[in-house]
Amino acid sequence: MAHKKGGGASRNGRDSESKRRGVKRFDGQFVRAGNILVRQCGTRIYPGKNVGMGRDYTLFALIDGYVRFEIGRGGRKRVSVYPHPVRPDGASPNGGDG
């Protein structure tokens, strides 16, 4: 009979790969249609104007334009894409009516 215990394997060494979630395009950034804006678990951020949502809750741009993060009703965060840049006060950047 053996008088030594067998050398057991280490009990560590298990970790899952990161999912690379988070905001990929930021407020005011220009994006092309199809660009991924946010990868998320569930609806932490909701789709706004010109933004689509994938099966895994990924938010993506439907048009070329500028990203805008907004607070909606009930304090919900949402992300929209507008064809022209929008200033923080909501005014048009060239001072015109539209």
PDB file of N, CA and C in Angstrom:
ATOM      1  N   MET A   1       0.826  -1.196   0.000  1.00  0.00           N
ATOM      2  CA  MET A   1       0.000   0.000   0.000  1.00  0.00           C
ATOM      3  C   MET A   1       0.861   1.246   0.000  1.00  0.00           C
ATOM      4  N   ALA A   2       0.400   2.240  -0.680  1.00  0.00           N
ATOM      5  CA  ALA A   2       1.149   3.504  -0.719  1.00  0.00           C
ATOM      6  C   ALA A   2       1.012   4.220   0.611  1.00  0.00           C
ATOM      7  N   HIS A   3       2.107   4.826   1.033  1.00  0.00           N
ATOM      8  CA  HIS A   3       2.075   5.552   2.299  1.00  0.00           C
ATOM      9  C   HIS A   3       2.094   7.063   2.098  1.00  0.00           C
ATOM     10  N   LYS A   4       1.894   7.522   0.872  1.00  0.00           N
ATOM     11  CA  LYS A   4       1.835   8.972   0.590  1.00  0.00           C
ATOM     12  C   LYS A   4       0.515   9.266  -0.108  1.00  0.00           C
ATOM     13  N   LYS A   5      -0.081  10.413   0.231  1.00  0.00           N
ATOM     14  CA  LYS A   5      -1.311  10.822  -0.463  1.00  0.00           C
ATOM     15  C   LYS A   5      -0.970  11.249  -1.886  1.00  0.00           C
ATOM     16  N   GLY A   6      -1.868  11.010  -2.782  1.00  0.00           N
ATOM     17  CA  GLY A   6      -1.659  11.470  -4.153  1.00  0.00           C
ATOM     18  C   GLY A   6      -1.668  12.996  -4.203  1.00  0.00           C
ATOM     19  N   GLY A   7      -0.861  13.572  -5.070  1.00  0.00           N
ATOM     20  CA  GLY A   7      -0.809  15.043  -5.215  1.00  0.00           C
ATOM     21  C   GLY A   7      -2.062  15.539  -5.912  1.00  0.00           C
ATOM     22  N   GLY A   8      -2.928  16.202  -5.160  1.00  0.00           N
ATOM     23  CA  GLY A   8      -4.182  16.693  -5.728  1.00  0.00           C
ATOM     24  C   GLY A   8      -3.986  17.954  -6.549  1.00  0.00           C
ATOM     25  N   ALA A   9      -4.906  18.212  -7.417  1.00  0.00           N
ATOM     26  CA  ALA A   9      -4.846  19.425  -8.243  1.00  0.00           C
ATOM     27  C   ALA A   9      -5.237  20.634  -7.399  1.00  0.00           C
ATOM     28  N   SER A  10      -4.799  21.782  -7.815  1.00  0.00           N
ATOM     29  CA  SER A  10      -5.171  23.034  -7.142  1.00  0.00           C
ATOM     30  C   SER A  10      -6.677  23.235  -7.270  1.00  0.00           C
ATOM     31  N   ARG A  11      -7.279  23.799  -6.237  1.00  0.00           N
ATOM     32  CA  ARG A  11      -8.728  24.002  -6.281  1.00  0.00           C
ATOM     33  C   ARG A  11      -9.097  25.375  -6.829  1.00  0.00           C
ATOM     34  N   ASN A  12      -8.102  26.153  -7.221  1.00  0.00           N
ATOM     35  CA  ASN A  12      -8.381  27.468  -7.812  1.00  0.00           C
ATOM     36  C   ASN A  12      -8.346  27.354  -9.333  1.00  0.00           C
ATOM     37  N   GLY A  13      -8.237  28.478  -9.994  1.00  0.00           N
ATOM     38  CA  GLY A  13      -8.016  28.447 -11.440  1.00  0.00           C
ATOM     39  C   GLY A  13      -9.267  28.451 -12.290  1.00  0.00           C
ATOM     40  N   ARG A  14     -10.411  28.832 -11.718  1.00  0.00           N
ATOM     41  CA  ARG A  14     -11.627  28.928 -12.524  1.00  0.00           C
ATOM     42  C   ARG A  14     -12.101  30.373 -12.502  1.00  0.00           C
ATOM     43  N   ASP A  15     -12.311  30.935 -13.663  1.00  0.00           N
ATOM     44  CA  ASP A  15     -12.867  32.287 -13.754  1.00  0.00           C
ATOM     45  C   ASP A  15     -13.486  32.436 -15.132  1.00  0.00           C
ATOM     46  N   SER A  16     -14.614  33.120 -15.194  1.00  0.00           N
ATOM     47  CA  SER A  16     -15.283  33.287 -16.480  1.00  0.00           C
ATOM     48  C   SER A  16     -14.686  34.485 -17.215  1.00  0.00           C
ATOM     49  N   GLU A  17     -14.772  34.438 -18.538  1.00  0.00           N
ATOM     50  CA  GLU A  17     -14.285  35.544 -19.349  1.00  0.00           C
ATOM     51  C   GLU A  17     -15.232  36.723 -19.216  1.00  0.00           C
ATOM     52  N   SER A  18     -14.671  37.934 -19.237  1.00  0.00           N
ATOM     53  CA  SER A  18     -15.510  39.129 -19.104  1.00  0.00           C
ATOM     54  C   SER A  18     -16.393  39.282 -20.340  1.00  0.00           C
ATOM     55  N   LYS A  19     -17.556  39.910 -20.170  1.00  0.00           N
ATOM     56  CA  LYS A  19     -18.533  40.033 -21.257  1.00  0.00           C
ATOM     57  C   LYS A  19     -18.380  41.327 -22.044  1.00  0.00           C
ATOM     58  N   ARG A  20     -17.497  42.205 -21.597  1.00  0.00           N
ATOM     59  CA  ARG A  20     -17.239  43.486 -22.290  1.00  0.00           C
ATOM     60  C   ARG A  20     -18.504  44.313 -22.453  1.00  0.00           C
ATOM     61  N   ARG A  21     -19.282  44.390 -21.381  1.00  0.00           N
ATOM     62  CA  ARG A  21     -20.492  45.211 -21.416  1.00  0.00           C
ATOM     63  C   ARG A  21     -20.145  46.656 -21.118  1.00  0.00           C
ATOM     64  N   GLY A  22     -21.098  47.542 -21.406  1.00  0.00           N
ATOM     65  CA  GLY A  22     -20.907  48.951 -21.075  1.00  0.00           C
ATOM     66  C   GLY A  22     -21.229  49.857 -22.248  1.00  0.00           C
ATOM     67  N   VAL A  23     -21.028  51.152 -22.036  1.00  0.00           N
ATOM     68  CA  VAL A  23     -21.290  52.164 -23.060  1.00  0.00           C
ATOM     69  C   VAL A  23     -20.125  52.147 -24.042  1.00  0.00           C
ATOM     70  N   LYS A  24     -20.438  52.047 -25.335  1.00  0.00           N
ATOM     71  CA  LYS A  24     -19.403  51.978 -26.370  1.00  0.00           C
ATOM     72  C   LYS A  24     -19.247  53.298 -27.119  1.00  0.00           C
ATOM     73  N   ARG A  25     -20.307  54.091 -27.202  1.00  0.00           N
ATOM     74  CA  ARG A  25     -20.248  55.405 -27.847  1.00  0.00           C
ATOM     75  C   ARG A  25     -20.844  56.411 -26.874  1.00  0.00           C
ATOM     76  N   PHE A  26     -20.186  57.556 -26.733  1.00  0.00           N
ATOM     77  CA  PHE A  26     -20.553  58.494 -25.683  1.00  0.00           C
ATOM     78  C   PHE A  26     -21.305  59.705 -26.216  1.00  0.00           C
ATOM     79  N   ASP A  27     -21.869  60.488 -25.294  1.00  0.00           N
ATOM     80  CA  ASP A  27     -22.691  61.656 -25.610  1.00  0.00           C
ATOM     81  C   ASP A  27     -21.943  62.618 -26.539  1.00  0.00           C
ATOM     82  N   GLY A  28     -22.609  63.008 -27.638  1.00  0.00           N
ATOM     83  CA  GLY A  28     -22.019  63.959 -28.576  1.00  0.00           C
ATOM     84  C   GLY A  28     -21.176  63.316 -29.660  1.00  0.00           C
ATOM     85  N   GLN A  29     -20.908  62.024 -29.545  1.00  0.00           N
ATOM     86  CA  GLN A  29     -20.078  61.331 -30.528  1.00  0.00           C
ATOM     87  C   GLN A  29     -20.873  61.057 -31.798  1.00  0.00           C
ATOM     88  N   PHE A  30     -20.210  61.172 -32.968  1.00  0.00           N
ATOM     89  CA  PHE A  30     -20.851  60.849 -34.243  1.00  0.00           C
ATOM     90  C   PHE A  30     -20.820  59.339 -34.437  1.00  0.00           C
ATOM     91  N   VAL A  31     -21.946  58.766 -34.866  1.00  0.00           N
ATOM     92  CA  VAL A  31     -22.025  57.323 -35.114  1.00  0.00           C
ATOM     93  C   VAL A  31     -22.647  57.055 -36.473  1.00  0.00           C
ATOM     94  N   ARG A  32     -22.336  55.916 -37.011  1.00  0.00           N
ATOM     95  CA  ARG A  32     -22.941  55.441 -38.258  1.00  0.00           C
ATOM     96  C   ARG A  32     -24.074  54.471 -37.912  1.00  0.00           C
ATOM     97  N   ALA A  33     -25.018  54.332 -38.835  1.00  0.00           N
ATOM     98  CA  ALA A  33     -26.111  53.373 -38.636  1.00  0.00           C
ATOM     99  C   ALA A  33     -25.516  51.987 -38.417  1.00  0.00           C
ATOM    100  N   GLY A  34     -26.006  51.292 -37.398  1.00  0.00           N
ATOM    101  CA  GLY A  34     -25.519  49.954 -37.086  1.00  0.00           C
ATOM    102  C   GLY A  34     -24.465  49.924 -35.996  1.00  0.00           C
ATOM    103  N   ASN A  35     -23.882  51.085 -35.673  1.00  0.00           N
ATOM    104  CA  ASN A  35     -22.887  51.122 -34.590  1.00  0.00           C
ATOM    105  C   ASN A  35     -23.536  50.744 -33.270  1.00  0.00           C
ATOM    106  N   ILE A  36     -22.828  49.941 -32.484  1.00  0.00           N
ATOM    107  CA  ILE A  36     -23.305  49.565 -31.154  1.00  0.00           C
ATOM    108  C   ILE A  36     -23.048  50.718 -30.202  1.00  0.00           C
ATOM    109  N   LEU A  37     -24.092  51.114 -29.470  1.00  0.00           N
ATOM    110  CA  LEU A  37     -23.986  52.224 -28.522  1.00  0.00           C
ATOM    111  C   LEU A  37     -23.749  51.707 -27.110  1.00  0.00           C
ATOM    112  N   VAL A  38     -24.522  50.684 -26.707  1.00  0.00           N
ATOM    113  CA  VAL A  38     -24.423  50.153 -25.344  1.00  0.00           C
ATOM    114  C   VAL A  38     -24.619  48.642 -25.384  1.00  0.00           C
ATOM    115  N   ARG A  39     -23.765  47.913 -24.663  1.00  0.00           N
ATOM    116  CA  ARG A  39     -23.990  46.487 -24.413  1.00  0.00           C
ATOM    117  C   ARG A  39     -24.352  46.373 -22.948  1.00  0.00           C
ATOM    118  N   GLN A  40     -25.475  45.703 -22.655  1.00  0.00           N
ATOM    119  CA  GLN A  40     -25.968  45.695 -21.278  1.00  0.00           C
ATOM    120  C   GLN A  40     -26.712  44.410 -20.952  1.00  0.00           C
ATOM    121  N   CYS A  41     -26.915  44.201 -19.660  1.00  0.00           N
ATOM    122  CA  CYS A  41     -27.690  43.086 -19.131  1.00  0.00           C
ATOM    123  C   CYS A  41     -29.061  43.653 -18.773  1.00  0.00           C
ATOM    124  N   GLY A  42     -30.097  43.329 -19.516  1.00  0.00           N
ATOM    125  CA  GLY A  42     -31.410  43.917 -19.242  1.00  0.00           C
ATOM    126  C   GLY A  42     -31.451  45.363 -19.705  1.00  0.00           C
ATOM    127  N   THR A  43     -32.566  46.035 -19.435  1.00  0.00           N
ATOM    128  CA  THR A  43     -32.725  47.410 -19.909  1.00  0.00           C
ATOM    129  C   THR A  43     -32.314  48.411 -18.839  1.00  0.00           C
ATOM    130  N   ARG A  44     -31.009  48.553 -18.621  1.00  0.00           N
ATOM    131  CA  ARG A  44     -30.505  49.614 -17.740  1.00  0.00           C
ATOM    132  C   ARG A  44     -30.713  50.961 -18.431  1.00  0.00           C
ATOM    133  N   ILE A  45     -30.495  50.971 -19.760  1.00  0.00           N
ATOM    134  CA  ILE A  45     -30.704  52.159 -20.584  1.00  0.00           C
ATOM    135  C   ILE A  45     -31.692  51.756 -21.669  1.00  0.00           C
ATOM    136  N   TYR A  46     -32.690  52.603 -21.917  1.00  0.00           N
ATOM    137  CA  TYR A  46     -33.737  52.296 -22.890  1.00  0.00           C
ATOM    138  C   TYR A  46     -33.417  52.930 -24.240  1.00  0.00           C
ATOM    139  N   PRO A  47     -33.923  52.354 -25.338  1.00  0.00           N
ATOM    140  CA  PRO A  47     -33.705  52.969 -26.649  1.00  0.00           C
ATOM    141  C   PRO A  47     -34.586  54.203 -26.823  1.00  0.00           C
ATOM    142  N   GLY A  48     -34.012  55.271 -27.343  1.00  0.00           N
ATOM    143  CA  GLY A  48     -34.754  56.502 -27.630  1.00  0.00           C
ATOM    144  C   GLY A  48     -34.972  56.627 -29.126  1.00  0.00           C
ATOM    145  N   LYS A  49     -34.931  57.871 -29.633  1.00  0.00           N
ATOM    146  CA  LYS A  49     -35.150  58.116 -31.060  1.00  0.00           C
ATOM    147  C   LYS A  49     -33.993  57.560 -31.880  1.00  0.00           C
ATOM    148  N   ASN A  50     -34.342  56.880 -32.962  1.00  0.00           N
ATOM    149  CA  ASN A  50     -33.378  56.351 -33.929  1.00  0.00           C
ATOM    150  C   ASN A  50     -32.395  55.348 -33.321  1.00  0.00           C
ATOM    151  N   VAL A  51     -32.849  54.633 -32.293  1.00  0.00           N
ATOM    152  CA  VAL A  51     -32.022  53.605 -31.652  1.00  0.00           C
ATOM    153  C   VAL A  51     -32.823  52.310 -31.587  1.00  0.00           C
ATOM    154  N   GLY A  52     -32.200  51.205 -31.982  1.00  0.00           N
ATOM    155  CA  GLY A  52     -32.840  49.900 -31.924  1.00  0.00           C
ATOM    156  C   GLY A  52     -32.275  49.080 -30.774  1.00  0.00           C
ATOM    157  N   MET A  53     -33.024  48.007 -30.407  1.00  0.00           N
ATOM    158  CA  MET A  53     -32.566  47.134 -29.330  1.00  0.00           C
ATOM    159  C   MET A  53     -32.537  45.693 -29.825  1.00  0.00           C
ATOM    160  N   GLY A  54     -31.409  45.009 -29.618  1.00  0.00           N
ATOM    161  CA  GLY A  54     -31.244  43.617 -30.019  1.00  0.00           C
ATOM    162  C   GLY A  54     -31.839  42.667 -28.995  1.00  0.00           C
ATOM    163  N   ARG A  55     -31.817  41.367 -29.304  1.00  0.00           N
ATOM    164  CA  ARG A  55     -32.370  40.348 -28.403  1.00  0.00           C
ATOM    165  C   ARG A  55     -31.666  40.317 -27.056  1.00  0.00           C
ATOM    166  N   ASP A  56     -30.378  40.658 -27.064  1.00  0.00           N
ATOM    167  CA  ASP A  56     -29.599  40.650 -25.816  1.00  0.00           C
ATOM    168  C   ASP A  56     -29.542  42.043 -25.176  1.00  0.00           C
ATOM    169  N   TYR A  57     -30.486  42.907 -25.540  1.00  0.00           N
ATOM    170  CA  TYR A  57     -30.627  44.269 -24.999  1.00  0.00           C
ATOM    171  C   TYR A  57     -29.537  45.228 -25.469  1.00  0.00           C
ATOM    172  N   THR A  58     -28.769  44.839 -26.483  1.00  0.00           N
ATOM    173  CA  THR A  58     -27.769  45.740 -27.057  1.00  0.00           C
ATOM    174  C   THR A  58     -28.485  46.881 -27.771  1.00  0.00           C
ATOM    175  N   LEU A  59     -28.043  48.111 -27.536  1.00  0.00           N
ATOM    176  CA  LEU A  59     -28.613  49.282 -28.203  1.00  0.00           C
ATOM    177  C   LEU A  59     -27.707  49.671 -29.366  1.00  0.00           C
ATOM    178  N   PHE A  60     -28.324  49.962 -30.533  1.00  0.00           N
ATOM    179  CA  PHE A  60     -27.539  50.299 -31.717  1.00  0.00           C
ATOM    180  C   PHE A  60     -28.210  51.428 -32.488  1.00  0.00           C
ATOM    181  N   ALA A  61     -27.412  52.174 -33.248  1.00  0.00           N
ATOM    182  CA  ALA A  61     -27.899  53.322 -34.016  1.00  0.00           C
ATOM    183  C   ALA A  61     -28.638  52.847 -35.264  1.00  0.00           C
ATOM    184  N   LEU A  62     -29.777  53.475 -35.548  1.00  0.00           N
ATOM    185  CA  LEU A  62     -30.543  53.162 -36.760  1.00  0.00           C
ATOM    186  C   LEU A  62     -30.216  54.133 -37.893  1.00  0.00           C
ATOM    187  N   ILE A  63     -29.639  55.292 -37.563  1.00  0.00           N
ATOM    188  CA  ILE A  63     -29.267  56.289 -38.567  1.00  0.00           C
ATOM    189  C   ILE A  63     -27.865  56.808 -38.249  1.00  0.00           C
ATOM    190  N   ASP A  64     -27.243  57.479 -39.226  1.00  0.00           N
ATOM    191  CA  ASP A  64     -26.011  58.218 -38.963  1.00  0.00           C
ATOM    192  C   ASP A  64     -26.387  59.461 -38.174  1.00  0.00           C
ATOM    193  N   GLY A  65     -25.632  59.780 -37.142  1.00  0.00           N
ATOM    194  CA  GLY A  65     -25.950  60.977 -36.368  1.00  0.00           C
ATOM    195  C   GLY A  65     -25.128  61.076 -35.102  1.00  0.00           C
ATOM    196  N   TYR A  66     -25.633  61.888 -34.178  1.00  0.00           N
ATOM    197  CA  TYR A  66     -24.917  62.187 -32.944  1.00  0.00           C
ATOM    198  C   TYR A  66     -25.647  61.596 -31.741  1.00  0.00           C
ATOM    199  N   VAL A  67     -24.885  60.972 -30.858  1.00  0.00           N
ATOM    200  CA  VAL A  67     -25.439  60.293 -29.681  1.00  0.00           C
ATOM    201  C   VAL A  67     -25.848  61.320 -28.636  1.00  0.00           C
ATOM    202  N   ARG A  68     -26.987  61.043 -27.998  1.00  0.00           N
ATOM    203  CA  ARG A  68     -27.467  61.911 -26.916  1.00  0.00           C
ATOM    204  C   ARG A  68     -28.035  61.024 -25.815  1.00  0.00           C
ATOM    205  N   PHE A  69     -27.487  61.115 -24.607  1.00  0.00           N
ATOM    206  CA  PHE A  69     -28.025  60.400 -23.449  1.00  0.00           C
ATOM    207  C   PHE A  69     -28.996  61.330 -22.745  1.00  0.00           C
ATOM    208  N   GLU A  70     -30.188  60.817 -22.416  1.00  0.00           N
ATOM    209  CA  GLU A  70     -31.256  61.650 -21.850  1.00  0.00           C
ATOM    210  C   GLU A  70     -31.882  60.952 -20.651  1.00  0.00           C
ATOM    211  N   ILE A  71     -32.532  61.741 -19.814  1.00  0.00           N
ATOM    212  CA  ILE A  71     -33.314  61.196 -18.700  1.00  0.00           C
ATOM    213  C   ILE A  71     -34.780  61.368 -19.082  1.00  0.00           C
ATOM    214  N   GLY A  72     -35.501  60.256 -19.145  1.00  0.00           N
ATOM    215  CA  GLY A  72     -36.904  60.292 -19.549  1.00  0.00           C
ATOM    216  C   GLY A  72     -37.839  60.351 -18.360  1.00  0.00           C
ATOM    217  N   ARG A  73     -39.116  60.072 -18.625  1.00  0.00           N
ATOM    218  CA  ARG A  73     -40.124  60.055 -17.554  1.00  0.00           C
ATOM    219  C   ARG A  73     -39.787  58.992 -16.519  1.00  0.00           C
ATOM    220  N   GLY A  74     -40.015  59.312 -15.277  1.00  0.00           N
ATOM    221  CA  GLY A  74     -39.747  58.356 -14.204  1.00  0.00           C
ATOM    222  C   GLY A  74     -38.265  58.142 -13.948  1.00  0.00           C
ATOM    223  N   GLY A  75     -37.432  59.028 -14.479  1.00  0.00           N
ATOM    224  CA  GLY A  75     -35.991  58.918 -14.256  1.00  0.00           C
ATOM    225  C   GLY A  75     -35.305  57.853 -15.089  1.00  0.00           C
ATOM    226  N   ARG A  76     -36.005  57.356 -16.120  1.00  0.00           N
ATOM    227  CA  ARG A  76     -35.408  56.329 -16.981  1.00  0.00           C
ATOM    228  C   ARG A  76     -34.328  56.936 -17.865  1.00  0.00           C
ATOM    229  N   LYS A  77     -33.209  56.253 -17.942  1.00  0.00           N
ATOM    230  CA  LYS A  77     -32.151  56.692 -18.851  1.00  0.00           C
ATOM    231  C   LYS A  77     -32.480  56.167 -20.239  1.00  0.00           C
ATOM    232  N   ARG A  78     -32.217  56.984 -21.245  1.00  0.00           N
ATOM    233  CA  ARG A  78     -32.389  56.512 -22.619  1.00  0.00           C
ATOM    234  C   ARG A  78     -31.315  57.148 -23.494  1.00  0.00           C
ATOM    235  N   VAL A  79     -31.049  56.499 -24.604  1.00  0.00           N
ATOM    236  CA  VAL A  79     -30.061  57.012 -25.549  1.00  0.00           C
ATOM    237  C   VAL A  79     -30.750  57.182 -26.896  1.00  0.00           C
ATOM    238  N   SER A  80     -30.511  58.337 -27.523  1.00  0.00           N
ATOM    239  CA  SER A  80     -31.083  58.651 -28.826  1.00  0.00           C
ATOM    240  C   SER A  80     -29.959  59.022 -29.781  1.00  0.00           C
ATOM    241  N   VAL A  81     -30.271  58.989 -31.077  1.00  0.00           N
ATOM    242  CA  VAL A  81     -29.331  59.446 -32.100  1.00  0.00           C
ATOM    243  C   VAL A  81     -30.058  60.470 -32.953  1.00  0.00           C
ATOM    244  N   TYR A  82     -29.466  61.659 -33.074  1.00  0.00           N
ATOM    245  CA  TYR A  82     -30.054  62.749 -33.853  1.00  0.00           C
ATOM    246  C   TYR A  82     -29.156  63.052 -35.045  1.00  0.00           C
ATOM    247  N   PRO A  83     -29.765  63.438 -36.196  1.00  0.00           N
ATOM    248  CA  PRO A  83     -28.958  63.684 -37.397  1.00  0.00           C
ATOM    249  C   PRO A  83     -28.016  64.882 -37.265  1.00  0.00           C
ATOM    250  N   HIS A  84     -28.339  65.838 -36.378  1.00  0.00           N
ATOM    251  CA  HIS A  84     -27.494  67.015 -36.166  1.00  0.00           C
ATOM    252  C   HIS A  84     -27.082  67.056 -34.706  1.00  0.00           C
ATOM    253  N   PRO A  85     -25.910  67.645 -34.408  1.00  0.00           N
ATOM    254  CA  PRO A  85     -25.501  67.738 -33.002  1.00  0.00           C
ATOM    255  C   PRO A  85     -26.509  68.551 -32.196  1.00  0.00           C
ATOM    256  N   VAL A  86     -26.744  68.151 -30.951  1.00  0.00           N
ATOM    257  CA  VAL A  86     -27.689  68.849 -30.074  1.00  0.00           C
ATOM    258  C   VAL A  86     -26.910  69.389 -28.885  1.00  0.00           C
ATOM    259  N   ARG A  87     -27.080  70.690 -28.610  1.00  0.00           N
ATOM    260  CA  ARG A  87     -26.400  71.293 -27.458  1.00  0.00           C
ATOM    261  C   ARG A  87     -27.081  70.845 -26.173  1.00  0.00           C
ATOM    262  N   PRO A  88     -26.365  70.897 -25.036  1.00  0.00           N
ATOM    263  CA  PRO A  88     -26.951  70.458 -23.760  1.00  0.00           C
ATOM    264  C   PRO A  88     -28.237  71.188 -23.382  1.00  0.00           C
ATOM    265  N   ASP A  89     -28.386  72.465 -23.811  1.00  0.00           N
ATOM    266  CA  ASP A  89     -29.604  73.215 -23.475  1.00  0.00           C
ATOM    267  C   ASP A  89     -30.748  72.916 -24.441  1.00  0.00           C
ATOM    268  N   GLY A  90     -30.504  72.009 -25.409  1.00  0.00           N
ATOM    269  CA  GLY A  90     -31.543  71.600 -26.351  1.00  0.00           C
ATOM    270  C   GLY A  90     -31.645  72.482 -27.576  1.00  0.00           C
ATOM    271  N   ALA A  91     -30.840  73.564 -27.637  1.00  0.00           N
ATOM    272  CA  ALA A  91     -30.894  74.486 -28.772  1.00  0.00           C
ATOM    273  C   ALA A  91     -30.110  73.918 -29.951  1.00  0.00           C
ATOM    274  N   SER A  92     -30.456  74.391 -31.141  1.00  0.00           N
ATOM    275  CA  SER A  92     -29.733  73.995 -32.338  1.00  0.00           C
ATOM    276  C   SER A  92     -28.349  74.649 -32.315  1.00  0.00           C
ATOM    277  N   PRO A  93     -27.295  73.952 -32.773  1.00  0.00           N
ATOM    278  CA  PRO A  93     -25.949  74.510 -32.686  1.00  0.00           C
ATOM    279  C   PRO A  93     -25.741  75.765 -33.529  1.00  0.00           C
ATOM    280  N   ASN A  94     -26.552  75.940 -34.612  1.00  0.00           N
ATOM    281  CA  ASN A  94     -26.388  77.126 -35.451  1.00  0.00           C
ATOM    282  C   ASN A  94     -27.350  78.247 -35.068  1.00  0.00           C
ATOM    283  N   GLY A  95     -28.140  78.052 -34.023  1.00  0.00           N
ATOM    284  CA  GLY A  95     -29.031  79.099 -33.532  1.00  0.00           C
ATOM    285  C   GLY A  95     -30.315  79.261 -34.328  1.00  0.00           C
ATOM    286  N   GLY A  96     -30.540  78.425 -35.346  1.00  0.00           N
ATOM    287  CA  GLY A  96     -31.739  78.540 -36.172  1.00  0.00           C
ATOM    288  C   GLY A  96     -32.937  77.845 -35.551  1.00  0.00           C
ATOM    289  N   ASP A  97     -34.044  77.815 -36.304  1.00  0.00           N
ATOM    290  CA  ASP A  97     -35.267  77.193 -35.804  1.00  0.00           C
ATOM    291  C   ASP A  97     -35.264  75.682 -36.006  1.00  0.00           C
ATOM    292  N   GLY A  98     -34.434  75.177 -36.835  1.00  0.00           N
ATOM    293  CA  GLY A  98     -34.491  73.743 -37.064  1.00  0.00           C
ATOM    294  C   GLY A  98     -33.316  73.282 -37.762  1.00  0.00           C
TER     295      GLY A  98
END
